[in-house]
């Protein structure tokens, strides 16, 4: 092998040495000089009783300092019981497998794979537009396997405080795309967009950034005054029906006659139209039934909509129902009517919490409790909804709370 330098190598000796051999720099790093004069760096290590040599690149491309840093990282792998050569082979295999797998490309694959299970085309469009607006400019062209915490934070930090809802939704979508890549073997390691145990260590919780904004709800005591002011229009009748059933706007506006059993006084909303993707039975009070009776003359086929919109096959728009409310009372939202109902349940009725939550079709977050609950409490809810209807249709009295503006509908 010949005689080598007595001390650690220097940049000068690396350039000047010409004798063939493996010259140690210390800490497993060697300068290899071949018979043709070419020079390269190598990492020598022993694992499971066997000696291994690992090339770190030619001297013309890798400086002494870079070679030492590479050797340091490889020694760390050895301390963790990992084989540096095996780790390199895995990275090379991953690189071959992920060739052309940019974040944008994988995001498109994810959306295409899942959009049939989403509510509508609008949801898929929202997914794509959110990623296009915030993620793509930063990581869109990066290989999906190379995306780490730094890249994710570059996306989220600028909007985390200013747009917490958007940022939180965006984080979840990035996480889903990266998980999809991991399942297909296109990336390794932790998901840098994961919240629990990862991003929650470096970003404040959404609830601490900005208080959750609730939909403004009409005070329950003022519901009789609101209901008596609503006129006979289709949008006003839909709003009344929505209030009396505690349904969401989209559920009420999309109601169809084939979902309603007039004899059993029950409205069964299919899972495809429910937020939680579970079928929901709604007991219909006498007041709700009277609205359906009023709408029967407008029954038309083939759409079968209870509250048809202006165009055939189209339900009322959410704007139309919102205008019906705004024409009677200002400063409140249609969705807030569900909160009005829930407040009434808590303050003026003796019905258990689970009955009120079942009426709102809220999913039980207690998995154990949910597993043992095999009923939707339909008959108990029927009694509760009759009591709610009696309140809503009782003679309007002078408002005891702070309704901002109540006027006759024109």
Protein backbone atom coordinates (compact mmCIF):
# COMPACT_ATOMS: atom_id res chain seq x y z
CA UNK A 1 0.00 0.00 0.00
CA UNK A 2 2.95 2.31 0.53
CA UNK A 3 3.54 4.88 3.20
CA UNK A 4 0.85 7.45 3.89
CA UNK A 5 0.75 10.67 5.78
CA UNK A 6 1.43 10.42 9.51
CA UNK A 7 -1.35 12.86 10.36
CA UNK A 8 -4.86 13.56 9.09
CA UNK A 9 -5.10 14.58 5.49
CA UNK A 10 -5.15 18.18 4.35
CA UNK A 11 -6.45 19.65 1.11
CA UNK A 12 -2.84 20.16 0.03
CA UNK A 13 -1.79 16.55 0.61
CA UNK A 14 -4.95 15.27 -1.10
CA UNK A 15 -4.01 17.22 -4.21
CA UNK A 16 -0.31 16.33 -4.13
CA UNK A 17 -0.45 12.61 -3.27
CA UNK A 18 -0.02 10.23 -6.22
CA UNK A 19 0.92 6.88 -4.67
CA UNK A 20 -1.59 4.11 -5.20
CA UNK A 21 -3.34 2.90 -2.04
CA UNK A 22 -5.96 3.57 0.60
CA UNK A 23 -4.85 6.48 2.78
CA UNK A 24 -6.67 6.96 6.12
CA UNK A 25 -7.94 10.33 7.24
CA UNK A 26 -9.31 8.86 10.45
CA UNK A 27 -12.87 8.10 11.62
CA UNK A 28 -13.46 5.47 8.89
CA UNK A 29 -12.65 7.87 6.02
CA UNK A 30 -10.08 6.94 3.37
CA UNK A 31 -8.57 8.55 0.30
CA UNK A 32 -8.31 5.90 -2.41
CA UNK A 33 -5.73 6.36 -5.18
CA UNK A 34 -5.90 3.87 -8.04
CA UNK A 35 -3.19 2.74 -10.45
CA UNK A 36 -4.42 5.21 -13.09
CA UNK A 37 -4.03 8.10 -10.66
CA UNK A 38 -7.75 8.67 -10.08
CA UNK A 39 -8.68 9.69 -6.55
CA UNK A 40 -11.90 9.09 -4.61
CA UNK A 41 -13.24 8.96 -1.08
CA UNK A 42 -14.35 5.77 0.65
CA UNK A 43 -15.95 4.89 3.95
CA UNK A 44 -14.73 1.68 5.56
CA UNK A 45 -16.77 0.00 8.26
CA UNK A 46 -17.32 -3.33 9.94
CA UNK A 47 -20.81 -4.72 10.55
CA UNK A 48 -21.82 -8.19 11.69
CA UNK A 49 -18.19 -9.26 11.52
CA UNK A 50 -17.75 -8.22 7.88
CA UNK A 51 -15.68 -5.40 6.40
CA UNK A 52 -17.35 -3.08 3.90
CA UNK A 53 -16.16 -0.30 1.62
CA UNK A 54 -18.53 2.40 0.52
CA UNK A 55 -17.67 4.96 -2.15
CA UNK A 56 -18.35 8.62 -1.31
CA UNK A 57 -17.47 10.10 -4.69
CA UNK A 58 -14.39 11.36 -6.60
CA UNK A 59 -12.11 14.00 -5.13
CA UNK A 60 -12.82 16.33 -8.05
CA UNK A 61 -16.49 16.49 -6.95
CA UNK A 62 -16.27 16.03 -3.18
CA UNK A 63 -14.04 18.19 -0.98
CA UNK A 64 -12.23 16.89 2.08
CA UNK A 65 -14.67 18.74 4.35
CA UNK A 66 -17.67 17.26 2.52
CA UNK A 67 -16.20 13.78 2.71
CA UNK A 68 -15.68 14.14 6.47
CA UNK A 69 -19.29 15.33 6.93
CA UNK A 70 -20.57 12.39 4.89
CA UNK A 71 -18.48 10.02 7.01
CA UNK A 72 -19.89 11.56 10.19
CA UNK A 73 -23.47 10.90 9.06
CA UNK A 74 -22.60 7.33 8.14
CA UNK A 75 -21.07 6.73 11.58
CA UNK A 76 -24.37 7.91 13.08
CA UNK A 77 -26.18 5.29 11.03
CA UNK A 78 -23.81 2.63 12.33
CA UNK A 79 -24.48 3.71 15.92
CA UNK A 80 -28.18 3.21 15.19
CA UNK A 81 -27.48 -0.32 13.96
CA UNK A 82 -28.09 0.54 10.30
CA UNK A 83 -26.02 -0.54 7.35
CA UNK A 84 -24.93 2.51 5.32
CA UNK A 85 -24.81 0.45 2.13
CA UNK A 86 -28.33 -0.92 2.68
CA UNK A 87 -29.61 2.57 3.38
CA UNK A 88 -28.09 3.82 0.12
CA UNK A 89 -29.65 0.97 -1.87
CA UNK A 90 -33.09 1.77 -0.40
CA UNK A 91 -32.73 5.43 -1.36
CA UNK A 92 -31.68 4.49 -4.87
CA UNK A 93 -34.61 2.10 -5.24
CA UNK A 94 -36.97 4.77 -3.93
CA UNK A 95 -35.56 7.30 -6.37
CA UNK A 96 -36.19 4.93 -9.27
CA UNK A 97 -39.71 4.20 -8.03
CA UNK A 98 -40.58 7.88 -7.56
CA UNK A 99 -39.17 9.14 -10.84
CA UNK A 100 -41.60 11.78 -12.04
CA UNK A 101 -43.66 11.51 -8.82
CA UNK A 102 -43.88 15.19 -8.01
CA UNK A 103 -46.26 16.48 -5.36
CA UNK A 104 -48.57 17.89 -8.05
CA UNK A 105 -48.64 14.56 -9.88
CA UNK A 106 -49.39 12.57 -6.73
CA UNK A 107 -52.04 15.09 -5.62
CA UNK A 108 -53.83 14.55 -8.93
CA UNK A 109 -53.68 10.78 -8.46
CA UNK A 110 -55.07 11.14 -4.94
CA UNK A 111 -57.97 13.35 -6.06
CA UNK A 112 -58.81 11.05 -8.97
CA UNK A 113 -58.81 8.05 -6.63
CA UNK A 114 -61.10 9.65 -4.04
CA UNK A 115 -63.41 12.06 -5.83
CA UNK A 116 -66.07 9.43 -6.52
CA UNK A 117 -66.54 9.10 -2.76
CA UNK A 118 -66.84 12.82 -2.16
CA UNK A 119 -70.15 14.65 -1.99
CA UNK A 120 -69.93 16.42 -5.32
CA UNK A 121 -67.65 17.79 -8.00
CA UNK A 122 -67.41 21.07 -6.10
CA UNK A 123 -65.54 19.33 -3.27
CA UNK A 124 -62.95 17.94 -5.67
CA UNK A 125 -62.56 21.39 -7.22
CA UNK A 126 -62.02 22.92 -3.78
CA UNK A 127 -59.33 20.36 -3.06
CA UNK A 128 -57.52 21.16 -6.28
CA UNK A 129 -57.86 24.94 -5.97
CA UNK A 130 -56.54 24.97 -2.39
CA UNK A 131 -53.48 22.95 -3.34
CA UNK A 132 -52.94 25.03 -6.49
CA UNK A 133 -53.09 28.30 -4.55
CA UNK A 134 -50.84 27.42 -1.61
CA UNK A 135 -48.96 24.12 -1.98
CA UNK A 136 -48.02 23.95 -5.65
CA UNK A 137 -45.95 27.16 -5.75
CA UNK A 138 -43.73 25.76 -2.98
CA UNK A 139 -43.64 21.96 -3.43
CA UNK A 140 -45.56 21.24 -6.62
CA UNK A 141 -42.48 20.36 -8.69
CA UNK A 142 -40.59 18.60 -5.88
CA UNK A 143 -40.28 14.82 -5.77
CA UNK A 144 -42.88 13.66 -3.27
CA UNK A 145 -40.24 11.67 -1.39
CA UNK A 146 -38.09 14.75 -0.76
CA UNK A 147 -40.73 16.90 1.00
CA UNK A 148 -39.92 17.52 4.64
CA UNK A 149 -40.90 19.72 7.57
CA UNK A 150 -39.17 22.82 6.20
CA UNK A 151 -41.17 22.73 2.99
CA UNK A 152 -44.49 22.18 4.78
CA UNK A 153 -43.79 25.07 7.16
CA UNK A 154 -42.95 27.34 4.23
CA UNK A 155 -46.49 26.71 3.00
CA UNK A 156 -48.36 26.95 6.30
CA UNK A 157 -46.62 29.64 8.33
CA UNK A 158 -47.60 32.60 6.11
CA UNK A 159 -51.32 31.80 6.50
CA UNK A 160 -51.51 29.96 9.84
CA UNK A 161 -52.54 33.06 11.82
CA UNK A 162 -54.29 35.06 9.10
CA UNK A 163 -56.36 32.21 7.63
CA UNK A 164 -56.47 29.46 10.28
CA UNK A 165 -59.43 27.61 8.75
CA UNK A 166 -57.85 27.56 5.30
CA UNK A 167 -54.45 26.63 6.74
CA UNK A 168 -55.88 23.78 8.79
CA UNK A 169 -57.80 22.41 5.81
CA UNK A 170 -54.71 22.77 3.61
CA UNK A 171 -52.53 20.95 6.15
CA UNK A 172 -54.94 18.02 6.18
CA UNK A 173 -54.94 17.82 2.41
CA UNK A 174 -51.14 17.86 2.19
CA UNK A 175 -51.04 15.15 4.86
CA UNK A 176 -53.46 13.00 2.87
CA UNK A 177 -51.43 13.33 -0.34
CA UNK A 178 -48.17 12.45 1.44
CA UNK A 179 -49.83 9.49 3.19
CA UNK A 180 -51.05 8.31 -0.21
CA UNK A 181 -47.47 8.54 -1.49
CA UNK A 182 -46.19 6.60 1.50
CA UNK A 183 -48.68 3.77 1.03
CA UNK A 184 -47.52 3.41 -2.58
CA UNK A 185 -43.87 3.33 -1.56
CA UNK A 186 -43.05 6.71 -3.08
CA UNK A 187 -41.74 8.20 0.16
CA UNK A 188 -40.31 6.99 3.46
CA UNK A 189 -40.42 8.18 7.04
CA UNK A 190 -42.74 10.43 9.02
CA UNK A 191 -45.38 12.56 7.36
CA UNK A 192 -44.22 16.16 7.91
CA UNK A 193 -47.81 17.47 7.54
CA UNK A 194 -49.13 15.33 10.38
CA UNK A 195 -50.51 17.41 13.27
CA UNK A 196 -50.38 15.15 16.34
CA UNK A 197 -46.85 14.66 17.56
CA UNK A 198 -45.35 16.62 14.67
CA UNK A 199 -46.66 20.02 13.58
CA UNK A 200 -48.31 20.56 16.97
CA UNK A 201 -44.77 20.89 18.30
CA UNK A 202 -43.96 23.90 16.10
CA UNK A 203 -47.30 25.61 15.35
CA UNK A 204 -49.96 26.93 17.75
CA UNK A 205 -53.30 25.13 17.77
CA UNK A 206 -55.93 26.61 15.46
CA UNK A 207 -58.23 27.34 18.41
CA UNK A 208 -55.50 29.48 20.03
CA UNK A 209 -54.80 31.45 16.87
CA UNK A 210 -58.33 32.72 16.44
CA UNK A 211 -61.52 32.10 18.34
CA UNK A 212 -63.95 29.83 16.54
CA UNK A 213 -66.64 31.90 14.86
CA UNK A 214 -70.11 30.44 15.38
CA UNK A 215 -73.02 31.03 13.03
CA UNK A 216 -75.17 33.84 14.51
CA UNK A 217 -78.32 32.21 15.87
CA UNK A 218 -81.73 33.75 16.49
CA UNK A 219 -82.46 33.58 20.23
CA UNK A 220 -84.90 30.72 20.86
CA UNK A 221 -87.37 33.04 22.62
CA UNK A 222 -87.75 35.06 19.41
CA UNK A 223 -88.57 32.13 17.13
CA UNK A 224 -92.38 32.62 17.34
CA UNK A 225 -91.97 36.24 16.19
CA UNK A 226 -89.73 35.15 13.32
CA UNK A 227 -91.98 32.31 12.20
CA UNK A 228 -95.12 34.44 12.17
CA UNK A 229 -93.45 36.97 9.85
CA UNK A 230 -92.43 34.41 7.23
CA UNK A 231 -94.60 34.58 4.16
CA UNK A 232 -96.05 31.86 1.89
CA UNK A 233 -93.23 31.77 -0.68
CA UNK A 234 -91.43 28.50 -1.44
CA UNK A 235 -88.21 29.80 0.13
CA UNK A 236 -90.06 30.90 3.29
CA UNK A 237 -91.83 27.52 3.55
CA UNK A 238 -88.50 25.74 3.09
CA UNK A 239 -87.04 27.86 5.90
CA UNK A 240 -89.98 26.99 8.15
CA UNK A 241 -89.52 23.29 7.35
CA UNK A 242 -85.78 23.56 8.05
CA UNK A 243 -86.47 25.17 11.44
CA UNK A 244 -89.10 22.61 12.44
CA UNK A 245 -86.89 19.64 11.50
CA UNK A 246 -83.54 21.08 12.72
CA UNK A 247 -82.11 20.08 9.34
CA UNK A 248 -79.20 21.60 7.50
CA UNK A 249 -79.99 23.93 4.63
CA UNK A 250 -78.80 21.54 1.93
CA UNK A 251 -80.75 18.65 3.43
CA UNK A 252 -84.02 20.63 3.47
CA UNK A 253 -83.55 22.26 0.07
CA UNK A 254 -82.73 18.90 -1.48
CA UNK A 255 -85.67 17.04 0.12
CA UNK A 256 -87.58 14.78 -2.28
CA UNK A 257 -91.05 13.34 -2.04
CA UNK A 258 -89.76 9.77 -2.22
CA UNK A 259 -87.90 10.40 1.06
CA UNK A 260 -91.10 11.31 2.88
CA UNK A 261 -93.65 8.91 4.31
CA UNK A 262 -96.76 11.05 4.77
CA UNK A 263 -98.58 8.25 6.57
CA UNK A 264 -95.79 7.51 9.05
CA UNK A 265 -94.93 11.23 9.29
CA UNK A 266 -91.27 10.48 8.75
CA UNK A 267 -88.62 11.98 6.48
CA UNK A 268 -85.70 9.63 5.73
CA UNK A 269 -82.67 11.45 4.37
CA UNK A 270 -80.35 9.06 2.49
CA UNK A 271 -76.73 8.72 3.53
CA UNK A 272 -75.54 10.30 0.29
CA UNK A 273 -77.10 13.62 1.31
CA UNK A 274 -75.93 13.59 4.93
CA UNK A 275 -72.74 15.20 6.22
CA UNK A 276 -71.82 12.10 8.24
CA UNK A 277 -72.74 9.78 5.32
CA UNK A 278 -75.29 7.96 7.49
CA UNK A 279 -79.02 7.69 6.82
CA UNK A 280 -81.03 10.00 9.08
CA UNK A 281 -84.70 9.61 10.01
CA UNK A 282 -86.57 12.78 10.94
CA UNK A 283 -89.91 12.63 12.79
CA UNK A 284 -92.29 15.19 11.30
CA UNK A 285 -94.38 17.35 13.60
CA UNK A 286 -97.90 18.40 12.66
CA UNK A 287 -96.54 21.84 11.77
CA UNK A 288 -93.93 20.30 9.45
CA UNK A 289 -96.62 18.10 7.86
CA UNK A 290 -98.77 21.16 7.16
CA UNK A 291 -95.88 22.66 5.15
CA UNK A 292 -95.60 19.48 3.08
CA UNK A 293 -99.35 19.58 2.47
CA UNK A 294 -98.98 23.17 1.26
CA UNK A 295 -96.18 22.14 -1.12
CA UNK A 296 -97.97 19.13 -2.64
CA UNK A 297 -99.67 21.14 -5.41
CA UNK A 298 -96.17 22.04 -6.67
CA UNK A 299 -95.09 18.40 -6.81
CA UNK A 300 -93.51 17.74 -10.17
CA UNK A 301 -91.74 14.92 -11.89
CA UNK A 302 -89.16 13.60 -12.58
CA UNK A 303 -87.05 15.53 -10.02
CA UNK A 304 -89.53 15.03 -7.17
CA UNK A 305 -88.19 18.01 -5.23
CA UNK A 306 -90.30 19.17 -2.31
CA UNK A 307 -88.97 22.72 -2.59
CA UNK A 308 -88.23 23.19 -6.31
CA UNK A 309 -86.13 26.07 -7.53
CA UNK A 310 -86.70 28.27 -10.54
CA UNK A 311 -85.18 25.79 -12.99
CA UNK A 312 -86.51 22.30 -13.59
CA UNK A 313 -84.47 19.73 -11.71
CA UNK A 314 -82.82 22.32 -9.46
CA UNK A 315 -83.65 22.84 -5.78
CA UNK A 316 -83.89 26.21 -4.13
CA UNK A 317 -80.54 27.95 -3.77
CA UNK A 318 -79.07 28.63 -0.34
CA UNK A 319 -79.20 32.31 -1.27
CA UNK A 320 -82.97 32.17 -1.69
CA UNK A 321 -83.47 30.67 1.78
CA UNK A 322 -81.01 33.15 3.31
CA UNK A 323 -82.95 36.02 1.72
CA UNK A 324 -86.17 34.70 3.22
CA UNK A 325 -84.59 34.93 6.66
CA UNK A 326 -82.98 38.31 6.00
CA UNK A 327 -86.37 39.67 4.95
CA UNK A 328 -87.64 38.99 8.45
CA UNK A 329 -84.71 39.39 10.80
CA UNK A 330 -81.25 40.83 10.14
CA UNK A 331 -77.84 39.64 11.30
CA UNK A 332 -78.51 35.91 11.60
CA UNK A 333 -77.76 32.86 9.45
CA UNK A 334 -79.86 29.94 8.29
CA UNK A 335 -77.37 27.45 9.71
CA UNK A 336 -77.66 29.25 13.04
CA UNK A 337 -81.22 27.92 13.32
CA UNK A 338 -79.76 24.58 14.39
CA UNK A 339 -78.04 26.35 17.27
CA UNK A 340 -81.32 28.04 18.14
CA UNK A 341 -82.97 24.62 18.37
CA UNK A 342 -80.08 23.25 20.46
CA UNK A 343 -80.28 26.20 22.87
CA UNK A 344 -84.01 25.66 23.28
CA UNK A 345 -83.38 21.98 24.05
CA UNK A 346 -80.87 22.88 26.73
CA UNK A 347 -82.77 25.75 28.33
CA UNK A 348 -86.45 24.92 27.94
CA UNK A 349 -86.77 21.16 27.66
CA UNK A 350 -85.93 18.16 29.81
CA UNK A 351 -84.87 15.94 26.95
CA UNK A 352 -81.47 14.24 27.44
CA UNK A 353 -78.47 15.53 25.54
CA UNK A 354 -78.25 12.43 23.33
CA UNK A 355 -81.83 12.99 22.09
CA UNK A 356 -81.05 16.56 21.02
CA UNK A 357 -77.80 15.47 19.40
CA UNK A 358 -79.60 12.70 17.54
CA UNK A 359 -82.09 15.25 16.20
CA UNK A 360 -79.18 17.26 14.81
CA UNK A 361 -77.64 14.10 13.28
CA UNK A 362 -74.42 14.73 15.17
CA UNK A 363 -71.98 11.82 15.23
CA UNK A 364 -71.22 10.49 18.70
CA UNK A 365 -67.50 11.14 19.23
CA UNK A 366 -67.38 8.67 22.12
CA UNK A 367 -66.62 5.48 20.16
CA UNK A 368 -67.44 3.19 23.08
CA UNK A 369 -70.77 4.88 23.75
CA UNK A 370 -71.58 4.89 20.04
CA UNK A 371 -70.85 1.16 19.79
CA UNK A 372 -73.51 0.38 22.42
CA UNK A 373 -76.11 2.81 21.07
CA UNK A 374 -78.22 0.85 18.58
CA UNK A 375 -81.21 3.24 18.29
CA UNK A 376 -81.88 6.63 16.78
CA UNK A 377 -84.47 7.48 19.50
CA UNK A 378 -87.08 8.20 16.84
CA UNK A 379 -90.17 8.17 19.10
CA UNK A 380 -88.54 10.25 21.83
CA UNK A 381 -87.40 12.69 19.15
CA UNK A 382 -90.94 12.81 17.78
CA UNK A 383 -92.19 14.08 21.13
CA UNK A 384 -89.36 16.59 21.32
CA UNK A 385 -89.96 17.92 17.80
CA UNK A 386 -93.67 18.37 18.55
CA UNK A 387 -92.74 20.40 21.62
CA UNK A 388 -90.29 22.47 19.52
CA UNK A 389 -92.98 23.05 16.89
CA UNK A 390 -95.46 24.19 19.54
CA UNK A 391 -92.91 26.72 20.73
CA UNK A 392 -92.10 27.98 17.23
CA UNK A 393 -95.75 28.35 16.26
CA UNK A 394 -96.99 29.77 19.55
CA UNK A 395 -98.43 33.33 19.45
CA UNK A 396 -95.62 35.81 18.94
CA UNK A 397 -94.96 37.84 22.07
CA UNK A 398 -92.86 40.88 22.57
CA UNK A 399 -89.26 39.84 22.13
CA UNK A 400 -87.44 39.47 25.41
CA UNK A 401 -83.99 39.32 23.83
CA UNK A 402 -81.89 41.25 21.37
CA UNK A 403 -83.26 40.63 17.90
CA UNK A 404 -81.66 43.41 15.90
CA UNK A 405 -84.41 44.13 13.44
CA UNK A 406 -87.79 42.53 12.86
CA UNK A 407 -90.17 43.82 10.22
CA UNK A 408 -93.08 42.68 8.16
CA UNK A 409 -92.20 40.69 5.08
CA UNK A 410 -93.06 42.46 1.88
